[in-house]
Every structure is written in structure tokens, then in C-alpha cells.
Amino acid sequence: MIAHETHRTPSIGIVGLPNSIRVPPTSDNQDYLRLLRRAEVAEWNKARLHVSVPSTSLPSAGYSRTEDWMLRMVSVISLATVGYVIMNSAWLVESWSAFTEWVKFALGA
């Protein structure tokens, strides 16, 4: 195979995808592939924006007092909820036998 020759590899069977052109790397076509890659990168860099655009949608660097207060309140409520659930789980484990007795009684077993 000469450096500029290629062979077509069919797509994986996905409808609408074109067949890709593949050039397998060999010692004969390394310079050709380098040139192709440089041309590809040059086209890619031409299409990209080289000017940074400031974003107005980013939040400010610091929290306001209201946000800080709300964050602390949500944290306290979350910790209280986790503590309540742990305490109720401990109570459930302690009273499990009474619950199973009640279920047996309710089912008439």
C-alpha cells in the first residue's frame, strides 16, 4: 500500500454513519500521516474562538449573609433529621419482638 492509498472500513452498522477512511500507520507513510495531522489541527484551531468571552452566568466568589444563614439552617435541619432517624432505628430494633408478636396476633397465627 502506498502512503496516499487508503482503504475503507465499514461503520459498525449504525444507520446514517458514513464509512470511515483509515490509513494504517506504517514506516512508509509516517511523514504523510504527520502532514495530515498537522492539517487537521490547523483546521481545528482555525474554527475555534481565540478570544476569551466573559461569562455573566457565574456566581460571585463569596456568599452573602442570607445565603450563609440559609446554608447553616439547612445543615442543622439535616443533622437533626439524621439524628432522629438513627434514634428511631434504635427504638425499632429494641421493639422488634413486640412488633412481630402484634403481627402474629393480627394474622391469627
Protein backbone atom coordinates (compact mmCIF):
# COMPACT_ATOMS: atom_id res chain seq x y z
CA MET A 1 0.00 0.00 0.00
CA ILE A 2 1.37 3.41 -0.98
CA ALA A 3 1.32 6.28 1.54
CA HIS A 4 -1.60 8.10 -0.06
CA GLU A 5 -3.71 4.99 -0.58
CA THR A 6 -6.39 4.21 1.95
CA HIS A 7 -8.93 1.53 2.46
CA ARG A 8 -12.49 1.93 3.65
CA THR A 9 -13.64 0.28 6.84
CA PRO A 10 -17.41 -0.05 7.07
CA SER A 11 -19.16 1.53 10.02
CA ILE A 12 -20.39 -0.68 12.82
CA GLY A 13 -23.83 -1.00 11.28
CA ILE A 14 -25.24 2.24 12.65
CA VAL A 15 -27.61 3.71 10.12
CA GLY A 16 -26.61 7.17 8.93
CA LEU A 17 -22.92 6.97 9.79
CA PRO A 18 -20.58 7.25 6.84
CA ASN A 19 -17.83 4.75 6.30
CA SER A 20 -14.58 5.97 7.79
CA ILE A 21 -11.35 6.23 5.84
CA ARG A 22 -8.46 4.63 7.66
CA VAL A 23 -4.77 4.93 6.92
CA PRO A 24 -2.90 2.32 8.93
CA PRO A 25 0.41 3.65 10.29
CA THR A 26 3.45 2.05 8.73
CA SER A 27 7.07 3.08 8.43
CA ASP A 28 6.41 4.10 4.78
CA ASN A 29 3.65 6.61 5.49
CA GLN A 30 4.70 8.30 8.75
CA ASP A 31 5.52 11.61 7.07
CA TYR A 32 2.19 11.55 5.22
CA LEU A 33 0.26 10.91 8.43
CA ARG A 34 2.17 13.71 10.21
CA LEU A 35 1.18 16.13 7.45
CA LEU A 36 -2.44 15.00 7.66
CA ARG A 37 -2.43 15.51 11.42
CA ARG A 38 -0.90 18.99 11.15
CA ALA A 39 -3.52 19.97 8.56
CA GLU A 40 -6.27 18.62 10.80
CA VAL A 41 -5.02 20.55 13.83
CA ALA A 42 -4.65 23.72 11.76
CA GLU A 43 -8.27 23.45 10.58
CA TRP A 44 -9.43 22.75 14.12
CA ASN A 45 -7.57 25.78 15.50
CA LYS A 46 -8.95 28.00 12.74
CA ALA A 47 -12.51 27.09 13.68
CA ARG A 48 -12.12 27.74 17.41
CA LEU A 49 -12.55 31.11 19.09
CA HIS A 50 -9.28 32.63 20.18
CA VAL A 51 -10.87 35.40 22.20
CA SER A 52 -12.00 34.70 25.74
CA VAL A 53 -15.62 35.62 26.31
CA PRO A 54 -16.53 36.69 29.85
CA SER A 55 -19.46 34.82 31.34
CA THR A 56 -22.16 36.67 33.23
CA SER A 57 -23.85 33.50 34.48
CA LEU A 58 -21.19 32.53 37.02
CA PRO A 59 -21.92 33.23 40.70
CA SER A 60 -19.93 35.69 42.71
CA ALA A 61 -16.91 34.47 44.64
CA GLY A 62 -18.40 34.80 48.14
CA TYR A 63 -21.64 34.00 49.92
CA SER A 64 -23.93 36.74 51.10
CA ARG A 65 -25.09 36.75 54.71
CA THR A 66 -28.51 35.43 53.72
CA GLU A 67 -27.02 32.53 51.78
CA ASP A 68 -24.67 31.72 54.65
CA TRP A 69 -27.56 31.74 57.14
CA MET A 70 -29.68 29.52 54.91
CA LEU A 71 -26.82 27.07 54.40
CA ARG A 72 -26.32 26.81 58.17
CA MET A 73 -30.05 26.25 58.75
CA VAL A 74 -30.25 23.52 56.11
CA SER A 75 -27.19 21.86 57.68
CA VAL A 76 -28.71 21.95 61.17
CA ILE A 77 -32.04 20.58 59.94
CA SER A 78 -30.25 17.82 58.00
CA LEU A 79 -28.17 16.80 61.02
CA ALA A 80 -31.26 16.81 63.24
CA THR A 81 -33.09 14.62 60.75
CA VAL A 82 -30.22 12.13 60.59
CA GLY A 83 -30.10 12.00 64.41
CA TYR A 84 -33.86 11.46 64.62
CA VAL A 85 -33.71 8.62 62.11
CA ILE A 86 -30.85 6.93 63.97
CA MET A 87 -32.72 7.17 67.27
CA ASN A 88 -35.91 5.76 65.73
CA SER A 89 -33.94 2.94 64.12
CA ALA A 90 -32.53 2.02 67.54
CA TRP A 91 -36.04 2.08 69.01
CA LEU A 92 -37.30 -0.15 66.17
CA VAL A 93 -34.59 -2.72 66.85
CA GLU A 94 -35.44 -2.74 70.57
CA SER A 95 -39.17 -3.13 69.99
CA TRP A 96 -38.97 -5.56 67.06
CA SER A 97 -40.10 -8.52 69.13
CA ALA A 98 -43.22 -6.65 70.27
CA PHE A 99 -43.98 -5.76 66.65
CA THR A 100 -43.64 -9.37 65.50
CA GLU A 101 -45.94 -10.51 68.32
CA TRP A 102 -48.54 -7.94 67.26
CA VAL A 103 -48.31 -9.11 63.61
CA LYS A 104 -48.78 -12.74 64.71
CA PHE A 105 -51.80 -11.73 66.77
CA ALA A 106 -53.27 -9.64 63.91
CA LEU A 107 -52.87 -12.52 61.44
CA GLY A 108 -54.27 -15.03 63.90
CA ALA A 109 -51.23 -17.24 63.80
